[in-house]
Amino acid sequence: MMVDTGATANRGPIFDILPEKDDDGGYASGGWKSEDGKLSCGYSSFRGKRASMEDFFDVKTSKIDGQTVCLFGIFDGETYQQTDTDFLESEKDTYRDDGSTASTAVLIGNHLYVANVGDSRTVISKAGTAIPLSEDHKPNRSDERKRIEHAGGVVMWAGTWRVGGVLAMSRAFGNRMLKQFVVAEPEIQDLEIDEEFELLVLASDGLWDVVPNEDAVALAQTEEEPEAAARKLMETAFTRGSADNITCIVVKFHHGKADPADSQHNLKDLVEVPSEVP
């Protein structure tokens, strides 16, 4: 997803507000608060029952024409089609056929853009109601199935619905052998953030496989700090039996007047690698 902010926009430096990610991918958690106190976010990522960590996440902020721009991402994304091209090019001389999904949210002022490819998901809470801002790209989704079959592919049941009986999602980066059917074109939504919007949850399928949208929002609202909310979501998914990597980002909107004291503590990052399940 590329957000056009104008060719002559005055862009400030891009700040990555996350610490270095752990090489062993065991566990990472942290939080951040904007200087004006109107926005805070927390993240939590855990390898879970998987032998390896394949989830990635990122949070970045910058200034464009004096306006704050924030990027929140589960996996990878911004320019989705170029990412897919680069992904395929990097593996053209290997025998591997890997793939990836992404769900990203870009906040420019009070305008939110959300892009999604695959089964990561973004959900927003409005006046206590969970509203999905992306729809999982599953092969049995009627419009996705029609698109795949029109391109000459088939959707088969093999434990779950799969493209060609192989891949359990209908859009993704990579997956060279199924590229004719498994596209990387994102679905994009945008909306204006007003005082009814309370928080945003982005997460990989390790959360959504076992935690419904409504539960995710309700759980996130029980914690004042978004880092604690992200950790609670991760722990809940694990205790409910998620067998996948679990990664989530919680963003909270603070519509009241900024607290000057908050601006003195606008960055708090923490990385931990516990020896056992957190």
C-alpha atoms as a PDB file:
ATOM      1  CA  MET A   1       0.000   0.000   0.000  1.00  0.00           C
ATOM      2  CA  MET A   2       1.440   3.368  -0.990  1.00  0.00           C
ATOM      3  CA  VAL A   3      -0.142   6.468   0.519  1.00  0.00           C
ATOM      4  CA  ASP A   4       0.313   9.500  -1.734  1.00  0.00           C
ATOM      5  CA  THR A   5       1.224  12.496   0.390  1.00  0.00           C
ATOM      6  CA  GLY A   6       2.393  14.633  -2.507  1.00  0.00           C
ATOM      7  CA  ALA A   7       5.590  14.658  -4.523  1.00  0.00           C
ATOM      8  CA  THR A   8       6.914  17.758  -2.794  1.00  0.00           C
ATOM      9  CA  ALA A   9       6.010  16.697   0.748  1.00  0.00           C
ATOM     10  CA  ASN A  10       8.488  17.723   3.410  1.00  0.00           C
ATOM     11  CA  ARG A  11       9.381  14.374   4.912  1.00  0.00           C
ATOM     12  CA  GLY A  12      11.135  14.054   8.233  1.00  0.00           C
ATOM     13  CA  PRO A  13      13.254  11.094   9.314  1.00  0.00           C
ATOM     14  CA  ILE A  14      11.507   7.769   9.883  1.00  0.00           C
ATOM     15  CA  PHE A  15      11.894   6.466  13.411  1.00  0.00           C
ATOM     16  CA  ASP A  16      11.591   2.761  14.168  1.00  0.00           C
ATOM     17  CA  ILE A  17      10.266   2.686  17.710  1.00  0.00           C
ATOM     18  CA  LEU A  18      10.910  -1.010  18.212  1.00  0.00           C
ATOM     19  CA  PRO A  19      14.100  -2.483  19.648  1.00  0.00           C
ATOM     20  CA  GLU A  20      16.210  -5.006  17.808  1.00  0.00           C
ATOM     21  CA  LYS A  21      14.228  -8.207  17.423  1.00  0.00           C
ATOM     22  CA  ASP A  22      15.510 -11.326  19.122  1.00  0.00           C
ATOM     23  CA  ASP A  23      17.333 -13.705  16.818  1.00  0.00           C
ATOM     24  CA  ASP A  24      15.775 -16.732  18.477  1.00  0.00           C
ATOM     25  CA  GLY A  25      12.311 -15.187  18.175  1.00  0.00           C
ATOM     26  CA  GLY A  26      11.338 -16.342  21.649  1.00  0.00           C
ATOM     27  CA  TYR A  27       9.373 -13.412  23.004  1.00  0.00           C
ATOM     28  CA  ALA A  28       9.278  -9.658  22.567  1.00  0.00           C
ATOM     29  CA  SER A  29       7.111  -7.003  24.186  1.00  0.00           C
ATOM     30  CA  GLY A  30       7.136  -3.231  24.353  1.00  0.00           C
ATOM     31  CA  GLY A  31       5.205   0.007  24.173  1.00  0.00           C
ATOM     32  CA  TRP A  32       5.300   3.573  22.901  1.00  0.00           C
ATOM     33  CA  LYS A  33       3.417   6.830  23.444  1.00  0.00           C
ATOM     34  CA  SER A  34       3.286   9.852  21.143  1.00  0.00           C
ATOM     35  CA  GLU A  35       4.727  13.156  22.306  1.00  0.00           C
ATOM     36  CA  ASP A  36       1.303  14.802  22.422  1.00  0.00           C
ATOM     37  CA  GLY A  37      -0.137  11.898  24.443  1.00  0.00           C
ATOM     38  CA  LYS A  38      -2.944  11.288  21.957  1.00  0.00           C
ATOM     39  CA  LEU A  39      -1.730   7.914  20.751  1.00  0.00           C
ATOM     40  CA  SER A  40      -0.122   4.918  22.419  1.00  0.00           C
ATOM     41  CA  CYS A  41       0.657   1.417  21.241  1.00  0.00           C
ATOM     42  CA  GLY A  42       1.925  -1.850  22.633  1.00  0.00           C
ATOM     43  CA  TYR A  43       3.110  -5.044  20.999  1.00  0.00           C
ATOM     44  CA  SER A  44       3.683  -8.623  22.055  1.00  0.00           C
ATOM     45  CA  SER A  45       5.120 -11.471  20.017  1.00  0.00           C
ATOM     46  CA  PHE A  46       5.661 -15.091  21.046  1.00  0.00           C
ATOM     47  CA  ARG A  47       6.954 -18.138  19.200  1.00  0.00           C
ATOM     48  CA  GLY A  48       4.381 -20.307  20.979  1.00  0.00           C
ATOM     49  CA  LYS A  49       4.240 -23.998  20.114  1.00  0.00           C
ATOM     50  CA  ARG A  50       6.044 -23.583  16.811  1.00  0.00           C
ATOM     51  CA  ALA A  51       9.666 -24.709  16.527  1.00  0.00           C
ATOM     52  CA  SER A  52      10.607 -21.495  14.712  1.00  0.00           C
ATOM     53  CA  MET A  53       9.450 -17.885  14.693  1.00  0.00           C
ATOM     54  CA  GLU A  54       8.019 -16.740  11.360  1.00  0.00           C
ATOM     55  CA  ASP A  55       6.023 -13.710  12.526  1.00  0.00           C
ATOM     56  CA  PHE A  56       7.400 -10.198  12.052  1.00  0.00           C
ATOM     57  CA  PHE A  57       6.076  -6.868  13.254  1.00  0.00           C
ATOM     58  CA  ASP A  58       7.000  -3.215  12.959  1.00  0.00           C
ATOM     59  CA  VAL A  59       5.988   0.215  14.215  1.00  0.00           C
ATOM     60  CA  LYS A  60       7.393   3.383  12.660  1.00  0.00           C
ATOM     61  CA  THR A  61       6.646   7.089  12.935  1.00  0.00           C
ATOM     62  CA  SER A  62       7.669  10.105  10.884  1.00  0.00           C
ATOM     63  CA  LYS A  63       6.660  13.704  10.100  1.00  0.00           C
ATOM     64  CA  ILE A  64       5.382  14.698   6.665  1.00  0.00           C
ATOM     65  CA  ASP A  65       4.597  18.379   6.124  1.00  0.00           C
ATOM     66  CA  GLY A  66       4.465  18.783   9.880  1.00  0.00           C
ATOM     67  CA  GLN A  67       1.912  15.998  10.256  1.00  0.00           C
ATOM     68  CA  THR A  68       2.655  12.812  12.200  1.00  0.00           C
ATOM     69  CA  VAL A  69       2.480   9.586  10.202  1.00  0.00           C
ATOM     70  CA  CYS A  70       2.487   6.214  11.991  1.00  0.00           C
ATOM     71  CA  LEU A  71       2.854   2.744  10.460  1.00  0.00           C
ATOM     72  CA  PHE A  72       1.783  -0.388  12.328  1.00  0.00           C
ATOM     73  CA  GLY A  73       2.467  -3.713  10.635  1.00  0.00           C
ATOM     74  CA  ILE A  74       2.105  -7.420  11.224  1.00  0.00           C
ATOM     75  CA  PHE A  75       4.556  -9.177   8.900  1.00  0.00           C
ATOM     76  CA  ASP A  76       5.702  -6.916   6.083  1.00  0.00           C
ATOM     77  CA  GLY A  77       4.146  -4.304   3.856  1.00  0.00           C
ATOM     78  CA  GLU A  78       3.779  -0.911   2.526  1.00  0.00           C
ATOM     79  CA  THR A  79       4.290  -1.393  -1.228  1.00  0.00           C
ATOM     80  CA  TYR A  80       2.610  -4.804  -1.480  1.00  0.00           C
ATOM     81  CA  GLN A  81       3.046  -5.606  -5.173  1.00  0.00           C
ATOM     82  CA  GLN A  82       6.745  -4.633  -5.132  1.00  0.00           C
ATOM     83  CA  THR A  83       7.284  -6.746  -2.018  1.00  0.00           C
ATOM     84  CA  ASP A  84       5.801  -9.737  -3.831  1.00  0.00           C
ATOM     85  CA  THR A  85       8.015  -9.144  -6.885  1.00  0.00           C
ATOM     86  CA  ASP A  86      11.132  -8.838  -4.712  1.00  0.00           C
ATOM     87  CA  PHE A  87      10.125 -11.925  -2.714  1.00  0.00           C
ATOM     88  CA  LEU A  88       9.790 -14.060  -5.842  1.00  0.00           C
ATOM     89  CA  GLU A  89      13.020 -12.676  -7.326  1.00  0.00           C
ATOM     90  CA  SER A  90      14.997 -13.481  -4.165  1.00  0.00           C
ATOM     91  CA  GLU A  91      14.017 -17.149  -4.350  1.00  0.00           C
ATOM     92  CA  LYS A  92      14.084 -17.750  -8.103  1.00  0.00           C
ATOM     93  CA  ASP A  93      17.290 -19.816  -7.916  1.00  0.00           C
ATOM     94  CA  THR A  94      16.280 -21.869  -4.885  1.00  0.00           C
ATOM     95  CA  TYR A  95      14.092 -24.902  -4.413  1.00  0.00           C
ATOM     96  CA  ARG A  96      12.073 -23.131  -1.759  1.00  0.00           C
ATOM     97  CA  ASP A  97       8.566 -21.806  -2.341  1.00  0.00           C
ATOM     98  CA  ASP A  98       7.899 -19.742   0.751  1.00  0.00           C
ATOM     99  CA  GLY A  99       5.142 -17.217   1.274  1.00  0.00           C
ATOM    100  CA  SER A 100       3.985 -14.556   3.694  1.00  0.00           C
ATOM    101  CA  THR A 101       0.952 -12.484   4.659  1.00  0.00           C
ATOM    102  CA  ALA A 102       0.603  -8.916   5.908  1.00  0.00           C
ATOM    103  CA  SER A 103      -1.798  -6.565   7.610  1.00  0.00           C
ATOM    104  CA  THR A 104      -0.729  -2.952   7.948  1.00  0.00           C
ATOM    105  CA  ALA A 105      -2.315   0.261   9.196  1.00  0.00           C
ATOM    106  CA  VAL A 106      -1.064   3.746   8.347  1.00  0.00           C
ATOM    107  CA  LEU A 107      -2.355   6.647  10.437  1.00  0.00           C
ATOM    108  CA  ILE A 108      -1.971  10.117   8.909  1.00  0.00           C
ATOM    109  CA  GLY A 109      -3.425  12.693  11.240  1.00  0.00           C
ATOM    110  CA  ASN A 110      -6.887  11.303  11.909  1.00  0.00           C
ATOM    111  CA  HIS A 111      -7.085   9.317   8.671  1.00  0.00           C
ATOM    112  CA  LEU A 112      -6.462   5.568   8.883  1.00  0.00           C
ATOM    113  CA  TYR A 113      -5.538   3.364   5.908  1.00  0.00           C
ATOM    114  CA  VAL A 114      -5.574  -0.424   6.371  1.00  0.00           C
ATOM    115  CA  ALA A 115      -4.232  -2.923   3.831  1.00  0.00           C
ATOM    116  CA  ASN A 116      -4.383  -6.699   4.057  1.00  0.00           C
ATOM    117  CA  VAL A 117      -3.075  -9.734   2.195  1.00  0.00           C
ATOM    118  CA  GLY A 118      -3.753 -13.183   3.665  1.00  0.00           C
ATOM    119  CA  ASP A 119      -5.109 -14.140   7.064  1.00  0.00           C
ATOM    120  CA  SER A 120      -3.528 -11.588   9.375  1.00  0.00           C
ATOM    121  CA  ARG A 121      -6.282  -9.199  10.483  1.00  0.00           C
ATOM    122  CA  THR A 122      -6.963  -5.677  11.719  1.00  0.00           C
ATOM    123  CA  VAL A 123      -9.944  -4.880  13.966  1.00  0.00           C
ATOM    124  CA  ILE A 124     -10.995  -1.512  15.390  1.00  0.00           C
ATOM    125  CA  SER A 125     -13.218  -0.786  18.375  1.00  0.00           C
ATOM    126  CA  LYS A 126     -15.887   1.881  17.889  1.00  0.00           C
ATOM    127  CA  ALA A 127     -18.044   2.711  20.918  1.00  0.00           C
ATOM    128  CA  GLY A 128     -17.291  -0.758  22.286  1.00  0.00           C
ATOM    129  CA  THR A 129     -18.154  -2.598  19.059  1.00  0.00           C
ATOM    130  CA  ALA A 130     -15.544  -4.668  17.194  1.00  0.00           C
ATOM    131  CA  ILE A 131     -15.368  -3.754  13.502  1.00  0.00           C
ATOM    132  CA  PRO A 132     -13.051  -5.771  11.215  1.00  0.00           C
ATOM    133  CA  LEU A 133     -11.091  -3.549   8.837  1.00  0.00           C
ATOM    134  CA  SER A 134      -9.893  -6.507   6.794  1.00  0.00           C
ATOM    135  CA  GLU A 135     -11.440  -9.773   5.686  1.00  0.00           C
ATOM    136  CA  ASP A 136      -9.299 -12.908   5.736  1.00  0.00           C
ATOM    137  CA  HIS A 137      -8.322 -14.157   2.307  1.00  0.00           C
ATOM    138  CA  LYS A 138      -9.573 -17.731   2.579  1.00  0.00           C
ATOM    139  CA  PRO A 139      -9.989 -19.901  -0.558  1.00  0.00           C
ATOM    140  CA  ASN A 140     -13.620 -20.700   0.270  1.00  0.00           C
ATOM    141  CA  ARG A 141     -14.605 -17.019   0.437  1.00  0.00           C
ATOM    142  CA  SER A 142     -17.149 -16.820  -2.384  1.00  0.00           C
ATOM    143  CA  ASP A 143     -15.488 -13.975  -4.299  1.00  0.00           C
ATOM    144  CA  GLU A 144     -12.002 -15.435  -3.820  1.00  0.00           C
ATOM    145  CA  ARG A 145     -13.120 -18.902  -4.942  1.00  0.00           C
ATOM    146  CA  LYS A 146     -14.715 -17.396  -8.043  1.00  0.00           C
ATOM    147  CA  ARG A 147     -11.517 -15.464  -8.843  1.00  0.00           C
ATOM    148  CA  ILE A 148      -9.337 -18.582  -8.424  1.00  0.00           C
ATOM    149  CA  GLU A 149     -11.597 -20.794 -10.542  1.00  0.00           C
ATOM    150  CA  HIS A 150     -11.850 -18.117 -13.239  1.00  0.00           C
ATOM    151  CA  ALA A 151      -8.025 -18.170 -13.427  1.00  0.00           C
ATOM    152  CA  GLY A 152      -8.101 -21.949 -13.935  1.00  0.00           C
ATOM    153  CA  GLY A 153      -7.400 -23.000 -10.354  1.00  0.00           C
ATOM    154  CA  VAL A 154      -9.320 -25.240  -7.988  1.00  0.00           C
ATOM    155  CA  VAL A 155     -10.270 -24.980  -4.336  1.00  0.00           C
ATOM    156  CA  MET A 156     -10.215 -28.340  -2.544  1.00  0.00           C
ATOM    157  CA  TRP A 157     -10.867 -29.617   0.958  1.00  0.00           C
ATOM    158  CA  ALA A 158      -7.719 -31.054   2.574  1.00  0.00           C
ATOM    159  CA  GLY A 159      -8.249 -30.649   6.303  1.00  0.00           C
ATOM    160  CA  THR A 160      -9.394 -27.127   5.441  1.00  0.00           C
ATOM    161  CA  TRP A 161     -10.172 -25.370   2.167  1.00  0.00           C
ATOM    162  CA  ARG A 162      -6.983 -24.970   0.135  1.00  0.00           C
ATOM    163  CA  VAL A 163      -5.928 -23.576  -3.237  1.00  0.00           C
ATOM    164  CA  GLY A 164      -5.010 -26.622  -5.316  1.00  0.00           C
ATOM    165  CA  GLY A 165      -5.323 -28.670  -2.148  1.00  0.00           C
ATOM    166  CA  VAL A 166      -2.097 -27.033  -0.900  1.00  0.00           C
ATOM    167  CA  LEU A 167      -2.393 -23.465   0.409  1.00  0.00           C
ATOM    168  CA  ALA A 168      -4.982 -22.474   3.020  1.00  0.00           C
ATOM    169  CA  MET A 169      -5.107 -18.821   1.936  1.00  0.00           C
ATOM    170  CA  SER A 170      -6.003 -17.202  -1.354  1.00  0.00           C
ATOM    171  CA  ARG A 171      -3.710 -14.145  -1.278  1.00  0.00           C
ATOM    172  CA  ALA A 172      -0.100 -13.977  -0.127  1.00  0.00           C
ATOM    173  CA  PHE A 173       3.408 -12.869  -1.001  1.00  0.00           C
ATOM    174  CA  GLY A 174       5.523 -15.488  -2.730  1.00  0.00           C
ATOM    175  CA  ASN A 175       4.146 -19.024  -3.253  1.00  0.00           C
ATOM    176  CA  ARG A 176       5.586 -19.163  -6.750  1.00  0.00           C
ATOM    177  CA  MET A 177       3.972 -22.457  -7.792  1.00  0.00           C
ATOM    178  CA  LEU A 178       0.491 -21.070  -7.139  1.00  0.00           C
ATOM    179  CA  LYS A 179       1.175 -17.449  -8.127  1.00  0.00           C
ATOM    180  CA  GLN A 180      -1.363 -17.519 -10.962  1.00  0.00           C
ATOM    181  CA  PHE A 181      -4.086 -17.995  -8.366  1.00  0.00           C
ATOM    182  CA  VAL A 182      -2.575 -16.680  -5.117  1.00  0.00           C
ATOM    183  CA  VAL A 183      -2.192 -12.963  -5.791  1.00  0.00           C
ATOM    184  CA  ALA A 184      -0.555 -10.321  -3.592  1.00  0.00           C
ATOM    185  CA  GLU A 185      -2.946  -7.472  -4.400  1.00  0.00           C
ATOM    186  CA  PRO A 186      -4.129  -6.012  -1.072  1.00  0.00           C
ATOM    187  CA  GLU A 187      -7.632  -5.017  -0.112  1.00  0.00           C
ATOM    188  CA  ILE A 188      -7.543  -1.482   1.290  1.00  0.00           C
ATOM    189  CA  GLN A 189      -9.945   0.353   3.555  1.00  0.00           C
ATOM    190  CA  ASP A 190      -9.765   3.885   4.891  1.00  0.00           C
ATOM    191  CA  LEU A 191     -11.711   5.800   7.499  1.00  0.00           C
ATOM    192  CA  GLU A 192     -11.638   8.941   9.573  1.00  0.00           C
ATOM    193  CA  ILE A 193     -10.843   8.431  13.254  1.00  0.00           C
ATOM    194  CA  ASP A 194     -13.223  10.312  15.539  1.00  0.00           C
ATOM    195  CA  GLU A 195     -13.876  10.235  19.293  1.00  0.00           C
ATOM    196  CA  GLU A 196     -15.953   7.048  19.047  1.00  0.00           C
ATOM    197  CA  PHE A 197     -12.915   5.006  18.014  1.00  0.00           C
ATOM    198  CA  GLU A 198     -11.109   3.612  21.060  1.00  0.00           C
ATOM    199  CA  LEU A 199      -8.461   1.147  19.938  1.00  0.00           C
ATOM    200  CA  LEU A 200      -7.013  -0.857  17.088  1.00  0.00           C
ATOM    201  CA  VAL A 201      -5.834  -4.488  17.150  1.00  0.00           C
ATOM    202  CA  LEU A 202      -3.550  -5.943  14.460  1.00  0.00           C
ATOM    203  CA  ALA A 203      -2.579  -9.596  14.799  1.00  0.00           C
ATOM    204  CA  SER A 204      -1.401 -12.690  12.999  1.00  0.00           C
ATOM    205  CA  ASP A 205      -3.625 -15.732  12.587  1.00  0.00           C
ATOM    206  CA  GLY A 206      -2.083 -17.238  15.705  1.00  0.00           C
ATOM    207  CA  LEU A 207      -4.429 -14.920  17.632  1.00  0.00           C
ATOM    208  CA  TRP A 208      -7.439 -14.907  15.331  1.00  0.00           C
ATOM    209  CA  ASP A 209      -7.570 -18.716  15.060  1.00  0.00           C
ATOM    210  CA  VAL A 210      -8.770 -18.881  18.671  1.00  0.00           C
ATOM    211  CA  VAL A 211      -9.823 -15.335  19.677  1.00  0.00           C
ATOM    212  CA  PRO A 212     -12.902 -13.811  17.951  1.00  0.00           C
ATOM    213  CA  ASN A 213     -12.921 -10.112  17.069  1.00  0.00           C
ATOM    214  CA  GLU A 214     -15.309  -9.243  19.907  1.00  0.00           C
ATOM    215  CA  ASP A 215     -13.162 -11.058  22.488  1.00  0.00           C
ATOM    216  CA  ALA A 216     -10.006  -9.327  21.271  1.00  0.00           C
ATOM    217  CA  VAL A 217     -11.538  -5.870  21.675  1.00  0.00           C
ATOM    218  CA  ALA A 218     -13.085  -6.706  25.060  1.00  0.00           C
ATOM    219  CA  LEU A 219      -9.798  -8.099  26.394  1.00  0.00           C
ATOM    220  CA  ALA A 220      -7.778  -5.132  25.104  1.00  0.00           C
ATOM    221  CA  GLN A 221     -10.155  -2.727  26.837  1.00  0.00           C
ATOM    222  CA  THR A 222      -9.527  -4.316  30.246  1.00  0.00           C
ATOM    223  CA  GLU A 223      -5.952  -3.001  30.266  1.00  0.00           C
ATOM    224  CA  GLU A 224      -5.089   0.691  30.452  1.00  0.00           C
ATOM    225  CA  GLU A 225      -1.656   0.286  28.877  1.00  0.00           C
ATOM    226  CA  PRO A 226      -1.602  -1.091  25.303  1.00  0.00           C
ATOM    227  CA  GLU A 227       1.511  -3.170  25.995  1.00  0.00           C
ATOM    228  CA  ALA A 228      -0.354  -4.989  28.775  1.00  0.00           C
ATOM    229  CA  ALA A 229      -3.326  -5.379  26.421  1.00  0.00           C
ATOM    230  CA  ALA A 230      -1.143  -6.904  23.697  1.00  0.00           C
ATOM    231  CA  ARG A 231       0.417  -9.273  26.206  1.00  0.00           C
ATOM    232  CA  LYS A 232      -3.013 -10.315  27.515  1.00  0.00           C
ATOM    233  CA  LEU A 233      -4.180 -11.086  23.987  1.00  0.00           C
ATOM    234  CA  MET A 234      -1.070 -13.146  23.304  1.00  0.00           C
ATOM    235  CA  GLU A 235      -1.428 -15.073  26.576  1.00  0.00           C
ATOM    236  CA  THR A 236      -5.129 -15.677  25.962  1.00  0.00           C
ATOM    237  CA  ALA A 237      -4.466 -17.101  22.509  1.00  0.00           C
ATOM    238  CA  PHE A 238      -1.809 -19.407  23.910  1.00  0.00           C
ATOM    239  CA  THR A 239      -3.989 -20.678  26.754  1.00  0.00           C
ATOM    240  CA  ARG A 240      -6.864 -21.242  24.324  1.00  0.00           C
ATOM    241  CA  GLY A 241      -4.668 -23.640  22.406  1.00  0.00           C
ATOM    242  CA  SER A 242      -3.190 -21.637  19.528  1.00  0.00           C
ATOM    243  CA  ALA A 243      -0.594 -23.818  17.848  1.00  0.00           C
ATOM    244  CA  ASP A 244       0.955 -21.004  15.816  1.00  0.00           C
ATOM    245  CA  ASN A 245       3.243 -18.023  16.375  1.00  0.00           C
ATOM    246  CA  ILE A 246       1.255 -15.266  18.076  1.00  0.00           C
ATOM    247  CA  THR A 247       1.931 -11.598  17.366  1.00  0.00           C
ATOM    248  CA  CYS A 248      -0.268  -8.594  18.027  1.00  0.00           C
ATOM    249  CA  ILE A 249      -0.151  -4.800  18.173  1.00  0.00           C
ATOM    250  CA  VAL A 250      -2.666  -2.747  20.150  1.00  0.00           C
ATOM    251  CA  VAL A 251      -3.067   0.958  19.371  1.00  0.00           C
ATOM    252  CA  LYS A 252      -5.098   3.169  21.710  1.00  0.00           C
ATOM    253  CA  PHE A 253      -6.543   6.552  20.759  1.00  0.00           C
ATOM    254  CA  HIS A 254      -6.596   9.176  23.503  1.00  0.00           C
ATOM    255  CA  HIS A 255      -9.000  11.870  22.347  1.00  0.00           C
ATOM    256  CA  GLY A 256      -8.806  13.996  25.501  1.00  0.00           C
ATOM    257  CA  LYS A 257      -6.331  16.811  26.056  1.00  0.00           C
ATOM    258  CA  ALA A 258      -2.726  15.646  26.058  1.00  0.00           C
ATOM    259  CA  ASP A 259      -1.067  15.250  29.425  1.00  0.00           C
ATOM    260  CA  PRO A 260       2.220  17.224  29.459  1.00  0.00           C
ATOM    261  CA  ALA A 261       3.691  14.651  31.829  1.00  0.00           C
ATOM    262  CA  ASP A 262       3.192  11.924  29.253  1.00  0.00           C
ATOM    263  CA  SER A 263       5.364  13.712  26.717  1.00  0.00           C
ATOM    264  CA  GLN A 264       8.312  13.364  29.090  1.00  0.00           C
ATOM    265  CA  HIS A 265       8.016   9.573  28.830  1.00  0.00           C
ATOM    266  CA  ASN A 266       7.073   9.100  25.221  1.00  0.00           C
ATOM    267  CA  LEU A 267       9.169   6.017  24.502  1.00  0.00           C
ATOM    268  CA  LYS A 268       9.293   2.813  26.468  1.00  0.00           C
ATOM    269  CA  ASP A 269      10.650  -0.336  24.909  1.00  0.00           C
ATOM    270  CA  LEU A 270      11.185  -3.695  26.540  1.00  0.00           C
ATOM    271  CA  VAL A 271      12.462  -6.954  25.134  1.00  0.00           C
ATOM    272  CA  GLU A 272      12.430 -10.154  27.096  1.00  0.00           C
ATOM    273  CA  VAL A 273      13.288 -13.736  26.269  1.00  0.00           C
ATOM    274  CA  PRO A 274      11.808 -15.870  29.066  1.00  0.00           C
ATOM    275  CA  SER A 275      12.917 -19.408  29.595  1.00  0.00           C
ATOM    276  CA  GLU A 276       9.336 -20.643  29.603  1.00  0.00           C
ATOM    277  CA  VAL A 277       5.865 -19.682  28.504  1.00  0.00           C
ATOM    278  CA  PRO A 278       5.048 -16.142  29.712  1.00  0.00           C
END
